[in-house]
């Protein structure tokens, strides 16, 4: 089996619902691999350098998160089988374009939470 490929999905598998650490790549790095970003890190000013920094950061977060997810043992196999089906679908949706009614999804989430209580 290859890499998780999507550090955000792997981070979610480690800490579902932790919005603080899952907002963006830099938050994931600070939350899961703080050694990759220093407290005074200022992003590069030009686009090419920024892109390279982000690619290296994504790889570092992905490798760190993957190692931690694999430490989950048999739970990893179940989680991988379920969660890693989603990124290719989401990627196709992003490329093809898809409108989402965010307010409807929020209402449905509230309804589901209430039904589970």
PDB file of N, CA and C in Angstrom:
ATOM      1  N   UNK A   1       0.846  -1.180   0.000  1.00  0.00           N
ATOM      2  CA  UNK A   1       0.000   0.000   0.000  1.00  0.00           C
ATOM      3  C   UNK A   1       0.885   1.234   0.000  1.00  0.00           C
ATOM      4  N   UNK A   2       0.507   2.225  -0.778  1.00  0.00           N
ATOM      5  CA  UNK A   2       1.307   3.436  -0.889  1.00  0.00           C
ATOM      6  C   UNK A   2       1.036   4.426   0.227  1.00  0.00           C
ATOM      7  N   UNK A   3       1.435   5.636  -0.001  1.00  0.00           N
ATOM      8  CA  UNK A   3       1.221   6.701   0.969  1.00  0.00           C
ATOM      9  C   UNK A   3      -0.261   7.037   1.063  1.00  0.00           C
ATOM     10  N   UNK A   4      -0.627   7.712   2.133  1.00  0.00           N
ATOM     11  CA  UNK A   4      -2.016   8.148   2.295  1.00  0.00           C
ATOM     12  C   UNK A   4      -2.427   9.126   1.204  1.00  0.00           C
ATOM     13  N   UNK A   5      -1.479   9.822   0.650  1.00  0.00           N
ATOM     14  CA  UNK A   5      -1.680  10.794  -0.421  1.00  0.00           C
ATOM     15  C   UNK A   5      -2.338  12.093   0.022  1.00  0.00           C
ATOM     16  N   UNK A   6      -3.285  12.053   0.913  1.00  0.00           N
ATOM     17  CA  UNK A   6      -3.954  13.278   1.344  1.00  0.00           C
ATOM     18  C   UNK A   6      -3.705  13.487   2.832  1.00  0.00           C
ATOM     19  N   UNK A   7      -2.817  14.431   3.185  1.00  0.00           N
ATOM     20  CA  UNK A   7      -2.505  14.630   4.603  1.00  0.00           C
ATOM     21  C   UNK A   7      -3.719  15.067   5.419  1.00  0.00           C
ATOM     22  N   UNK A   8      -4.658  15.755   4.781  1.00  0.00           N
ATOM     23  CA  UNK A   8      -5.838  16.221   5.508  1.00  0.00           C
ATOM     24  C   UNK A   8      -6.706  15.052   5.944  1.00  0.00           C
ATOM     25  N   UNK A   9      -6.883  14.066   5.078  1.00  0.00           N
ATOM     26  CA  UNK A   9      -7.665  12.879   5.439  1.00  0.00           C
ATOM     27  C   UNK A   9      -6.953  12.113   6.552  1.00  0.00           C
ATOM     28  N   UNK A  10      -5.648  11.944   6.434  1.00  0.00           N
ATOM     29  CA  UNK A  10      -4.897  11.252   7.482  1.00  0.00           C
ATOM     30  C   UNK A  10      -4.982  11.979   8.808  1.00  0.00           C
ATOM     31  N   UNK A  11      -4.864  13.304   8.783  1.00  0.00           N
ATOM     32  CA  UNK A  11      -4.966  14.087  10.016  1.00  0.00           C
ATOM     33  C   UNK A  11      -6.352  13.947  10.616  1.00  0.00           C
ATOM     34  N   UNK A  12      -7.371  13.929   9.761  1.00  0.00           N
ATOM     35  CA  UNK A  12      -8.730  13.742  10.274  1.00  0.00           C
ATOM     36  C   UNK A  12      -8.880  12.365  10.920  1.00  0.00           C
ATOM     37  N   UNK A  13      -8.245  11.345  10.341  1.00  0.00           N
ATOM     38  CA  UNK A  13      -8.322   9.999  10.917  1.00  0.00           C
ATOM     39  C   UNK A  13      -7.714   9.977  12.316  1.00  0.00           C
ATOM     40  N   UNK A  14      -6.696  10.803  12.542  1.00  0.00           N
ATOM     41  CA  UNK A  14      -6.053  10.862  13.856  1.00  0.00           C
ATOM     42  C   UNK A  14      -6.851  11.702  14.842  1.00  0.00           C
ATOM     43  N   UNK A  15      -7.521  12.711  14.350  1.00  0.00           N
ATOM     44  CA  UNK A  15      -8.163  13.657  15.256  1.00  0.00           C
ATOM     45  C   UNK A  15      -9.453  14.211  14.646  1.00  0.00           C
ATOM     46  N   UNK A  16     -10.465  13.352  14.458  1.00  0.00           N
ATOM     47  CA  UNK A  16     -11.704  13.838  13.848  1.00  0.00           C
ATOM     48  C   UNK A  16     -12.354  14.917  14.704  1.00  0.00           C
ATOM     49  N   UNK A  17     -12.833  15.930  14.052  1.00  0.00           N
ATOM     50  CA  UNK A  17     -13.532  16.996  14.767  1.00  0.00           C
ATOM     51  C   UNK A  17     -12.628  18.057  15.360  1.00  0.00           C
ATOM     52  N   UNK A  18     -11.319  17.907  15.231  1.00  0.00           N
ATOM     53  CA  UNK A  18     -10.391  18.900  15.786  1.00  0.00           C
ATOM     54  C   UNK A  18     -10.180  20.006  14.756  1.00  0.00           C
ATOM     55  N   UNK A  19     -11.119  20.930  14.709  1.00  0.00           N
ATOM     56  CA  UNK A  19     -11.091  21.986  13.695  1.00  0.00           C
ATOM     57  C   UNK A  19      -9.826  22.832  13.766  1.00  0.00           C
ATOM     58  N   UNK A  20      -9.281  23.006  14.959  1.00  0.00           N
ATOM     59  CA  UNK A  20      -8.094  23.836  15.137  1.00  0.00           C
ATOM     60  C   UNK A  20      -6.911  23.297  14.339  1.00  0.00           C
ATOM     61  N   UNK A  21      -6.730  21.971  14.371  1.00  0.00           N
ATOM     62  CA  UNK A  21      -5.567  21.380  13.707  1.00  0.00           C
ATOM     63  C   UNK A  21      -5.848  20.980  12.262  1.00  0.00           C
ATOM     64  N   UNK A  22      -7.064  21.120  11.804  1.00  0.00           N
ATOM     65  CA  UNK A  22      -7.412  20.645  10.468  1.00  0.00           C
ATOM     66  C   UNK A  22      -7.762  21.760   9.489  1.00  0.00           C
ATOM     67  N   UNK A  23      -7.591  23.011   9.893  1.00  0.00           N
ATOM     68  CA  UNK A  23      -8.008  24.128   9.028  1.00  0.00           C
ATOM     69  C   UNK A  23      -7.229  24.179   7.715  1.00  0.00           C
ATOM     70  N   UNK A  24      -5.913  24.169   7.807  1.00  0.00           N
ATOM     71  CA  UNK A  24      -5.106  24.234   6.586  1.00  0.00           C
ATOM     72  C   UNK A  24      -3.785  23.519   6.826  1.00  0.00           C
ATOM     73  N   UNK A  25      -2.960  23.513   5.810  1.00  0.00           N
ATOM     74  CA  UNK A  25      -1.705  22.769   5.865  1.00  0.00           C
ATOM     75  C   UNK A  25      -0.809  23.235   7.010  1.00  0.00           C
ATOM     76  N   UNK A  26      -0.715  24.538   7.218  1.00  0.00           N
ATOM     77  CA  UNK A  26       0.156  25.063   8.275  1.00  0.00           C
ATOM     78  C   UNK A  26      -0.388  24.705   9.664  1.00  0.00           C
ATOM     79  N   UNK A  27      -1.706  24.718   9.824  1.00  0.00           N
ATOM     80  CA  UNK A  27      -2.300  24.295  11.099  1.00  0.00           C
ATOM     81  C   UNK A  27      -2.039  22.811  11.340  1.00  0.00           C
ATOM     82  N   UNK A  28      -2.136  21.999  10.277  1.00  0.00           N
ATOM     83  CA  UNK A  28      -1.852  20.567  10.430  1.00  0.00           C
ATOM     84  C   UNK A  28      -0.394  20.358  10.825  1.00  0.00           C
ATOM     85  N   UNK A  29       0.506  21.119  10.225  1.00  0.00           N
ATOM     86  CA  UNK A  29       1.925  20.991  10.558  1.00  0.00           C
ATOM     87  C   UNK A  29       2.163  21.376  12.017  1.00  0.00           C
ATOM     88  N   UNK A  30       1.581  22.491  12.446  1.00  0.00           N
ATOM     89  CA  UNK A  30       1.759  22.904  13.849  1.00  0.00           C
ATOM     90  C   UNK A  30       1.148  21.887  14.816  1.00  0.00           C
ATOM     91  N   UNK A  31       0.024  21.273  14.422  1.00  0.00           N
ATOM     92  CA  UNK A  31      -0.659  20.338  15.307  1.00  0.00           C
ATOM     93  C   UNK A  31      -0.068  18.945  15.332  1.00  0.00           C
ATOM     94  N   UNK A  32       0.394  18.457  14.181  1.00  0.00           N
ATOM     95  CA  UNK A  32       0.841  17.073  14.090  1.00  0.00           C
ATOM     96  C   UNK A  32       2.345  16.927  13.909  1.00  0.00           C
ATOM     97  N   UNK A  33       3.004  17.937  13.393  1.00  0.00           N
ATOM     98  CA  UNK A  33       4.450  17.848  13.149  1.00  0.00           C
ATOM     99  C   UNK A  33       5.073  19.227  13.374  1.00  0.00           C
ATOM    100  N   UNK A  34       5.038  19.722  14.622  1.00  0.00           N
ATOM    101  CA  UNK A  34       5.512  21.085  14.883  1.00  0.00           C
ATOM    102  C   UNK A  34       6.978  21.310  14.533  1.00  0.00           C
ATOM    103  N   UNK A  35       7.746  20.229  14.461  1.00  0.00           N
ATOM    104  CA  UNK A  35       9.152  20.385  14.100  1.00  0.00           C
ATOM    105  C   UNK A  35       9.338  20.863  12.661  1.00  0.00           C
ATOM    106  N   UNK A  36       8.275  20.802  11.866  1.00  0.00           N
ATOM    107  CA  UNK A  36       8.363  21.229  10.466  1.00  0.00           C
ATOM    108  C   UNK A  36       8.200  22.735  10.291  1.00  0.00           C
ATOM    109  N   UNK A  37       7.600  23.398  11.255  1.00  0.00           N
ATOM    110  CA  UNK A  37       7.410  24.849  11.161  1.00  0.00           C
ATOM    111  C   UNK A  37       7.850  25.492  12.461  1.00  0.00           C
ATOM    112  N   UNK A  38       8.630  26.537  12.332  1.00  0.00           N
ATOM    113  CA  UNK A  38       9.065  27.267  13.521  1.00  0.00           C
ATOM    114  C   UNK A  38       8.046  28.324  13.886  1.00  0.00           C
ATOM    115  N   UNK A  39       8.094  28.826  15.103  1.00  0.00           N
ATOM    116  CA  UNK A  39       7.114  29.836  15.527  1.00  0.00           C
ATOM    117  C   UNK A  39       7.235  31.140  14.752  1.00  0.00           C
ATOM    118  N   UNK A  40       8.418  31.424  14.217  1.00  0.00           N
ATOM    119  CA  UNK A  40       8.621  32.686  13.506  1.00  0.00           C
ATOM    120  C   UNK A  40       8.720  32.486  11.999  1.00  0.00           C
ATOM    121  N   UNK A  41       8.214  31.369  11.527  1.00  0.00           N
ATOM    122  CA  UNK A  41       8.324  31.071  10.097  1.00  0.00           C
ATOM    123  C   UNK A  41       7.491  32.053   9.283  1.00  0.00           C
ATOM    124  N   UNK A  42       8.151  32.739   8.361  1.00  0.00           N
ATOM    125  CA  UNK A  42       7.445  33.629   7.444  1.00  0.00           C
ATOM    126  C   UNK A  42       7.475  32.985   6.064  1.00  0.00           C
ATOM    127  N   UNK A  43       6.326  32.830   5.437  1.00  0.00           N
ATOM    128  CA  UNK A  43       6.310  32.200   4.120  1.00  0.00           C
ATOM    129  C   UNK A  43       7.096  33.011   3.096  1.00  0.00           C
ATOM    130  N   UNK A  44       7.587  32.325   2.094  1.00  0.00           N
ATOM    131  CA  UNK A  44       8.329  32.990   1.019  1.00  0.00           C
ATOM    132  C   UNK A  44       7.433  34.015   0.332  1.00  0.00           C
ATOM    133  N   UNK A  45       8.051  35.062  -0.196  1.00  0.00           N
ATOM    134  CA  UNK A  45       7.254  36.131  -0.789  1.00  0.00           C
ATOM    135  C   UNK A  45       6.901  35.868  -2.248  1.00  0.00           C
ATOM    136  N   UNK A  46       7.751  35.141  -2.978  1.00  0.00           N
ATOM    137  CA  UNK A  46       7.409  34.906  -4.381  1.00  0.00           C
ATOM    138  C   UNK A  46       6.664  33.586  -4.525  1.00  0.00           C
ATOM    139  N   UNK A  47       5.820  33.514  -5.550  1.00  0.00           N
ATOM    140  CA  UNK A  47       4.923  32.370  -5.743  1.00  0.00           C
ATOM    141  C   UNK A  47       5.634  31.043  -5.911  1.00  0.00           C
ATOM    142  N   UNK A  48       6.724  31.026  -6.655  1.00  0.00           N
ATOM    143  CA  UNK A  48       7.434  29.773  -6.911  1.00  0.00           C
ATOM    144  C   UNK A  48       8.020  29.213  -5.621  1.00  0.00           C
ATOM    145  N   UNK A  49       8.669  30.056  -4.842  1.00  0.00           N
ATOM    146  CA  UNK A  49       9.259  29.602  -3.578  1.00  0.00           C
ATOM    147  C   UNK A  49       8.175  29.160  -2.606  1.00  0.00           C
ATOM    148  N   UNK A  50       7.080  29.891  -2.578  1.00  0.00           N
ATOM    149  CA  UNK A  50       5.967  29.546  -1.691  1.00  0.00           C
ATOM    150  C   UNK A  50       5.399  28.176  -2.063  1.00  0.00           C
ATOM    151  N   UNK A  51       5.273  27.931  -3.349  1.00  0.00           N
ATOM    152  CA  UNK A  51       4.757  26.649  -3.831  1.00  0.00           C
ATOM    153  C   UNK A  51       5.692  25.511  -3.413  1.00  0.00           C
ATOM    154  N   UNK A  52       6.996  25.726  -3.547  1.00  0.00           N
ATOM    155  CA  UNK A  52       7.978  24.710  -3.144  1.00  0.00           C
ATOM    156  C   UNK A  52       7.908  24.454  -1.644  1.00  0.00           C
ATOM    157  N   UNK A  53       7.822  25.522  -0.857  1.00  0.00           N
ATOM    158  CA  UNK A  53       7.710  25.368   0.601  1.00  0.00           C
ATOM    159  C   UNK A  53       6.470  24.576   0.967  1.00  0.00           C
ATOM    160  N   UNK A  54       5.342  24.911   0.346  1.00  0.00           N
ATOM    161  CA  UNK A  54       4.091  24.218   0.648  1.00  0.00           C
ATOM    162  C   UNK A  54       4.159  22.744   0.250  1.00  0.00           C
ATOM    163  N   UNK A  55       4.809  22.456  -0.876  1.00  0.00           N
ATOM    164  CA  UNK A  55       4.939  21.060  -1.317  1.00  0.00           C
ATOM    165  C   UNK A  55       5.780  20.266  -0.321  1.00  0.00           C
ATOM    166  N   UNK A  56       6.890  20.851   0.131  1.00  0.00           N
ATOM    167  CA  UNK A  56       7.739  20.167   1.115  1.00  0.00           C
ATOM    168  C   UNK A  56       7.016  20.010   2.445  1.00  0.00           C
ATOM    169  N   UNK A  57       6.270  21.023   2.838  1.00  0.00           N
ATOM    170  CA  UNK A  57       5.506  20.948   4.078  1.00  0.00           C
ATOM    171  C   UNK A  57       4.430  19.872   3.981  1.00  0.00           C
ATOM    172  N   UNK A  58       3.726  19.813   2.846  1.00  0.00           N
ATOM    173  CA  UNK A  58       2.694  18.786   2.646  1.00  0.00           C
ATOM    174  C   UNK A  58       3.303  17.393   2.720  1.00  0.00           C
ATOM    175  N   UNK A  59       4.452  17.203   2.097  1.00  0.00           N
ATOM    176  CA  UNK A  59       5.112  15.901   2.144  1.00  0.00           C
ATOM    177  C   UNK A  59       5.506  15.555   3.572  1.00  0.00           C
ATOM    178  N   UNK A  60       6.084  16.508   4.294  1.00  0.00           N
ATOM    179  CA  UNK A  60       6.480  16.255   5.681  1.00  0.00           C
ATOM    180  C   UNK A  60       5.306  15.912   6.574  1.00  0.00           C
ATOM    181  N   UNK A  61       4.213  16.665   6.440  1.00  0.00           N
ATOM    182  CA  UNK A  61       3.010  16.380   7.230  1.00  0.00           C
ATOM    183  C   UNK A  61       2.456  15.018   6.850  1.00  0.00           C
ATOM    184  N   UNK A  62       2.406  14.733   5.542  1.00  0.00           N
ATOM    185  CA  UNK A  62       1.859  13.469   5.079  1.00  0.00           C
ATOM    186  C   UNK A  62       2.655  12.293   5.645  1.00  0.00           C
ATOM    187  N   UNK A  63       3.975  12.372   5.600  1.00  0.00           N
ATOM    188  CA  UNK A  63       4.796  11.270   6.110  1.00  0.00           C
ATOM    189  C   UNK A  63       4.621  11.092   7.617  1.00  0.00           C
ATOM    190  N   UNK A  64       4.567  12.206   8.345  1.00  0.00           N
ATOM    191  CA  UNK A  64       4.392  12.138   9.800  1.00  0.00           C
ATOM    192  C   UNK A  64       3.016  11.583  10.164  1.00  0.00           C
ATOM    193  N   UNK A  65       1.986  12.082   9.503  1.00  0.00           N
ATOM    194  CA  UNK A  65       0.623  11.635   9.782  1.00  0.00           C
ATOM    195  C   UNK A  65       0.473  10.171   9.396  1.00  0.00           C
ATOM    196  N   UNK A  66       1.030   9.789   8.249  1.00  0.00           N
ATOM    197  CA  UNK A  66       0.918   8.392   7.822  1.00  0.00           C
ATOM    198  C   UNK A  66       1.544   7.458   8.849  1.00  0.00           C
ATOM    199  N   UNK A  67       2.705   7.827   9.366  1.00  0.00           N
ATOM    200  CA  UNK A  67       3.379   6.991  10.374  1.00  0.00           C
ATOM    201  C   UNK A  67       2.488   6.825  11.602  1.00  0.00           C
ATOM    202  N   UNK A  68       1.870   7.912  12.038  1.00  0.00           N
ATOM    203  CA  UNK A  68       0.993   7.833  13.214  1.00  0.00           C
ATOM    204  C   UNK A  68      -0.271   7.036  12.937  1.00  0.00           C
ATOM    205  N   UNK A  69      -0.824   7.183  11.739  1.00  0.00           N
ATOM    206  CA  UNK A  69      -2.032   6.432  11.391  1.00  0.00           C
ATOM    207  C   UNK A  69      -1.706   4.941  11.312  1.00  0.00           C
ATOM    208  N   UNK A  70      -0.563   4.603  10.711  1.00  0.00           N
ATOM    209  CA  UNK A  70      -0.178   3.187  10.613  1.00  0.00           C
ATOM    210  C   UNK A  70       0.038   2.571  11.999  1.00  0.00           C
ATOM    211  N   UNK A  71       0.431   3.381  12.968  1.00  0.00           N
ATOM    212  CA  UNK A  71       0.592   2.892  14.344  1.00  0.00           C
ATOM    213  C   UNK A  71      -0.736   2.482  14.964  1.00  0.00           C
ATOM    214  N   UNK A  72      -1.828   2.821  14.303  1.00  0.00           N
ATOM    215  CA  UNK A  72      -3.146   2.432  14.802  1.00  0.00           C
ATOM    216  C   UNK A  72      -3.379   0.930  14.619  1.00  0.00           C
ATOM    217  N   UNK A  73      -2.510   0.253  13.883  1.00  0.00           N
ATOM    218  CA  UNK A  73      -2.624  -1.195  13.697  1.00  0.00           C
ATOM    219  C   UNK A  73      -3.847  -1.575  12.887  1.00  0.00           C
ATOM    220  N   UNK A  74      -4.616  -2.537  13.394  1.00  0.00           N
ATOM    221  CA  UNK A  74      -5.772  -3.036  12.637  1.00  0.00           C
ATOM    222  C   UNK A  74      -6.829  -1.943  12.456  1.00  0.00           C
ATOM    223  N   UNK A  75      -6.865  -0.983  13.376  1.00  0.00           N
ATOM    224  CA  UNK A  75      -7.792   0.136  13.195  1.00  0.00           C
ATOM    225  C   UNK A  75      -7.428   0.920  11.934  1.00  0.00           C
ATOM    226  N   UNK A  76      -6.123   0.956  11.622  1.00  0.00           N
ATOM    227  CA  UNK A  76      -5.673   1.636  10.408  1.00  0.00           C
ATOM    228  C   UNK A  76      -6.270   0.969   9.176  1.00  0.00           C
ATOM    229  N   UNK A  77      -6.227  -0.356   9.133  1.00  0.00           N
ATOM    230  CA  UNK A  77      -6.735  -1.069   7.956  1.00  0.00           C
ATOM    231  C   UNK A  77      -8.203  -0.753   7.712  1.00  0.00           C
ATOM    232  N   UNK A  78      -8.994  -0.752   8.780  1.00  0.00           N
ATOM    233  CA  UNK A  78     -10.415  -0.436   8.620  1.00  0.00           C
ATOM    234  C   UNK A  78     -10.603   1.017   8.195  1.00  0.00           C
ATOM    235  N   UNK A  79      -9.878   1.920   8.856  1.00  0.00           N
ATOM    236  CA  UNK A  79     -10.005   3.341   8.534  1.00  0.00           C
ATOM    237  C   UNK A  79      -9.530   3.611   7.112  1.00  0.00           C
ATOM    238  N   UNK A  80      -8.421   2.994   6.744  1.00  0.00           N
ATOM    239  CA  UNK A  80      -7.887   3.199   5.393  1.00  0.00           C
ATOM    240  C   UNK A  80      -8.895   2.726   4.357  1.00  0.00           C
ATOM    241  N   UNK A  81      -9.453   1.556   4.580  1.00  0.00           N
ATOM    242  CA  UNK A  81     -10.408   0.984   3.623  1.00  0.00           C
ATOM    243  C   UNK A  81     -11.616   1.903   3.440  1.00  0.00           C
ATOM    244  N   UNK A  82     -12.031   2.558   4.510  1.00  0.00           N
ATOM    245  CA  UNK A  82     -13.200   3.432   4.423  1.00  0.00           C
ATOM    246  C   UNK A  82     -12.843   4.826   3.924  1.00  0.00           C
ATOM    247  N   UNK A  83     -11.872   5.449   4.563  1.00  0.00           N
ATOM    248  CA  UNK A  83     -11.603   6.867   4.311  1.00  0.00           C
ATOM    249  C   UNK A  83     -10.863   7.138   3.015  1.00  0.00           C
ATOM    250  N   UNK A  84     -10.010   6.240   2.577  1.00  0.00           N
ATOM    251  CA  UNK A  84      -9.215   6.539   1.400  1.00  0.00           C
ATOM    252  C   UNK A  84      -9.974   6.335   0.092  1.00  0.00           C
ATOM    253  N   UNK A  85     -11.208   5.890   0.181  1.00  0.00           N
ATOM    254  CA  UNK A  85     -12.044   5.850  -1.014  1.00  0.00           C
ATOM    255  C   UNK A  85     -12.531   7.258  -1.370  1.00  0.00           C
ATOM    256  N   UNK A  86     -12.565   8.128  -0.388  1.00  0.00           N
ATOM    257  CA  UNK A  86     -13.155   9.446  -0.566  1.00  0.00           C
ATOM    258  C   UNK A  86     -12.302  10.447  -1.354  1.00  0.00           C
ATOM    259  N   UNK A  87     -10.983  10.576  -1.131  1.00  0.00           N
ATOM    260  CA  UNK A  87     -10.229  11.621  -1.838  1.00  0.00           C
ATOM    261  C   UNK A  87     -10.333  11.600  -3.358  1.00  0.00           C
ATOM    262  N   UNK A  88     -10.276  10.443  -4.037  1.00  0.00           N
ATOM    263  CA  UNK A  88     -10.427  10.507  -5.504  1.00  0.00           C
ATOM    264  C   UNK A  88     -11.807  11.027  -5.931  1.00  0.00           C
ATOM    265  N   UNK A  89     -12.828  10.689  -5.165  1.00  0.00           N
ATOM    266  CA  UNK A  89     -14.179  11.178  -5.474  1.00  0.00           C
ATOM    267  C   UNK A  89     -14.229  12.692  -5.287  1.00  0.00           C
ATOM    268  N   UNK A  90     -13.671  13.171  -4.172  1.00  0.00           N
ATOM    269  CA  UNK A  90     -13.658  14.612  -3.918  1.00  0.00           C
ATOM    270  C   UNK A  90     -12.854  15.353  -4.976  1.00  0.00           C
ATOM    271  N   UNK A  91     -11.741  14.770  -5.414  1.00  0.00           N
ATOM    272  CA  UNK A  91     -10.925  15.406  -6.445  1.00  0.00           C
ATOM    273  C   UNK A  91     -11.705  15.532  -7.750  1.00  0.00           C
ATOM    274  N   UNK A  92     -12.412  14.476  -8.122  1.00  0.00           N
ATOM    275  CA  UNK A  92     -13.219  14.545  -9.348  1.00  0.00           C
ATOM    276  C   UNK A  92     -14.323  15.588  -9.201  1.00  0.00           C
ATOM    277  N   UNK A  93     -14.899  15.685  -8.011  1.00  0.00           N
ATOM    278  CA  UNK A  93     -15.939  16.686  -7.783  1.00  0.00           C
ATOM    279  C   UNK A  93     -15.353  18.095  -7.895  1.00  0.00           C
ATOM    280  N   UNK A  94     -14.143  18.305  -7.364  1.00  0.00           N
ATOM    281  CA  UNK A  94     -13.503  19.619  -7.443  1.00  0.00           C
ATOM    282  C   UNK A  94     -13.220  19.997  -8.886  1.00  0.00           C
ATOM    283  N   UNK A  95     -12.679  19.055  -9.647  1.00  0.00           N
ATOM    284  CA  UNK A  95     -12.329  19.337 -11.035  1.00  0.00           C
ATOM    285  C   UNK A  95     -13.586  19.595 -11.851  1.00  0.00           C
ATOM    286  N   UNK A  96     -14.597  18.765 -11.664  1.00  0.00           N
ATOM    287  CA  UNK A  96     -15.828  18.897 -12.432  1.00  0.00           C
ATOM    288  C   UNK A  96     -16.715  20.022 -11.972  1.00  0.00           C
ATOM    289  N   UNK A  97     -16.546  20.438 -10.741  1.00  0.00           N
ATOM    290  CA  UNK A  97     -17.385  21.488 -10.183  1.00  0.00           C
ATOM    291  C   UNK A  97     -18.656  20.918  -9.591  1.00  0.00           C
ATOM    292  N   UNK A  98     -18.990  21.372  -8.424  1.00  0.00           N
ATOM    293  CA  UNK A  98     -20.174  20.881  -7.746  1.00  0.00           C
ATOM    294  C   UNK A  98     -20.650  21.953  -6.786  1.00  0.00           C
ATOM    295  N   UNK A  99     -21.908  22.260  -6.884  1.00  0.00           N
ATOM    296  CA  UNK A  99     -22.474  23.241  -5.946  1.00  0.00           C
ATOM    297  C   UNK A  99     -22.943  22.504  -4.702  1.00  0.00           C
ATOM    298  N   UNK A 100     -22.656  23.103  -3.565  1.00  0.00           N
ATOM    299  CA  UNK A 100     -23.048  22.515  -2.283  1.00  0.00           C
ATOM    300  C   UNK A 100     -23.843  23.559  -1.516  1.00  0.00           C
ATOM    301  N   UNK A 101     -24.975  23.146  -0.970  1.00  0.00           N
ATOM    302  CA  UNK A 101     -25.787  24.024  -0.142  1.00  0.00           C
ATOM    303  C   UNK A 101     -25.293  23.880   1.292  1.00  0.00           C
ATOM    304  N   UNK A 102     -24.350  24.753   1.679  1.00  0.00           N
ATOM    305  CA  UNK A 102     -23.713  24.661   2.989  1.00  0.00           C
ATOM    306  C   UNK A 102     -24.719  24.802   4.127  1.00  0.00           C
ATOM    307  N   UNK A 103     -25.694  25.691   3.980  1.00  0.00           N
ATOM    308  CA  UNK A 103     -26.676  25.875   5.063  1.00  0.00           C
ATOM    309  C   UNK A 103     -27.519  24.612   5.239  1.00  0.00           C
ATOM    310  N   UNK A 104     -27.876  23.957   4.141  1.00  0.00           N
ATOM    311  CA  UNK A 104     -28.621  22.702   4.228  1.00  0.00           C
ATOM    312  C   UNK A 104     -27.779  21.629   4.920  1.00  0.00           C
ATOM    313  N   UNK A 105     -26.510  21.545   4.571  1.00  0.00           N
ATOM    314  CA  UNK A 105     -25.640  20.558   5.206  1.00  0.00           C
ATOM    315  C   UNK A 105     -25.504  20.820   6.709  1.00  0.00           C
ATOM    316  N   UNK A 106     -25.408  22.085   7.092  1.00  0.00           N
ATOM    317  CA  UNK A 106     -25.327  22.416   8.528  1.00  0.00           C
ATOM    318  C   UNK A 106     -26.607  21.995   9.248  1.00  0.00           C
ATOM    319  N   UNK A 107     -27.761  22.269   8.640  1.00  0.00           N
ATOM    320  CA  UNK A 107     -29.037  21.866   9.260  1.00  0.00           C
ATOM    321  C   UNK A 107     -29.113  20.348   9.371  1.00  0.00           C
ATOM    322  N   UNK A 108     -28.681  19.638   8.337  1.00  0.00           N
ATOM    323  CA  UNK A 108     -28.697  18.176   8.377  1.00  0.00           C
ATOM    324  C   UNK A 108     -27.758  17.646   9.447  1.00  0.00           C
ATOM    325  N   UNK A 109     -26.616  18.305   9.645  1.00  0.00           N
ATOM    326  CA  UNK A 109     -25.678  17.879  10.686  1.00  0.00           C
ATOM    327  C   UNK A 109     -26.308  18.031  12.066  1.00  0.00           C
ATOM    328  N   UNK A 110     -27.019  19.141  12.277  1.00  0.00           N
ATOM    329  CA  UNK A 110     -27.699  19.376  13.552  1.00  0.00           C
ATOM    330  C   UNK A 110     -28.772  18.314  13.756  1.00  0.00           C
ATOM    331  N   UNK A 111     -29.545  18.039  12.715  1.00  0.00           N
ATOM    332  CA  UNK A 111     -30.593  17.007  12.801  1.00  0.00           C
ATOM    333  C   UNK A 111     -29.994  15.650  13.140  1.00  0.00           C
ATOM    334  N   UNK A 112     -28.880  15.312  12.503  1.00  0.00           N
ATOM    335  CA  UNK A 112     -28.230  14.016  12.771  1.00  0.00           C
ATOM    336  C   UNK A 112     -27.715  13.939  14.208  1.00  0.00           C
ATOM    337  N   UNK A 113     -27.102  15.019  14.673  1.00  0.00           N
ATOM    338  CA  UNK A 113     -26.600  15.043  16.052  1.00  0.00           C
ATOM    339  C   UNK A 113     -27.749  14.862  17.037  1.00  0.00           C
ATOM    340  N   UNK A 114     -28.871  15.540  16.791  1.00  0.00           N
ATOM    341  CA  UNK A 114     -30.014  15.418  17.693  1.00  0.00           C
ATOM    342  C   UNK A 114     -30.592  14.013  17.651  1.00  0.00           C
ATOM    343  N   UNK A 115     -30.628  13.405  16.472  1.00  0.00           N
ATOM    344  CA  UNK A 115     -31.166  12.054  16.337  1.00  0.00           C
ATOM    345  C   UNK A 115     -30.287  11.023  17.043  1.00  0.00           C
ATOM    346  N   UNK A 116     -28.985  11.313  17.132  1.00  0.00           N
ATOM    347  CA  UNK A 116     -28.063  10.369  17.772  1.00  0.00           C
ATOM    348  C   UNK A 116     -28.060  10.476  19.302  1.00  0.00           C
ATOM    349  N   UNK A 117     -28.681  11.505  19.822  1.00  0.00           N
ATOM    350  CA  UNK A 117     -28.698  11.675  21.285  1.00  0.00           C
ATOM    351  C   UNK A 117     -29.738  10.827  21.934  1.00  0.00           C
TER     352      UNK A 117
END
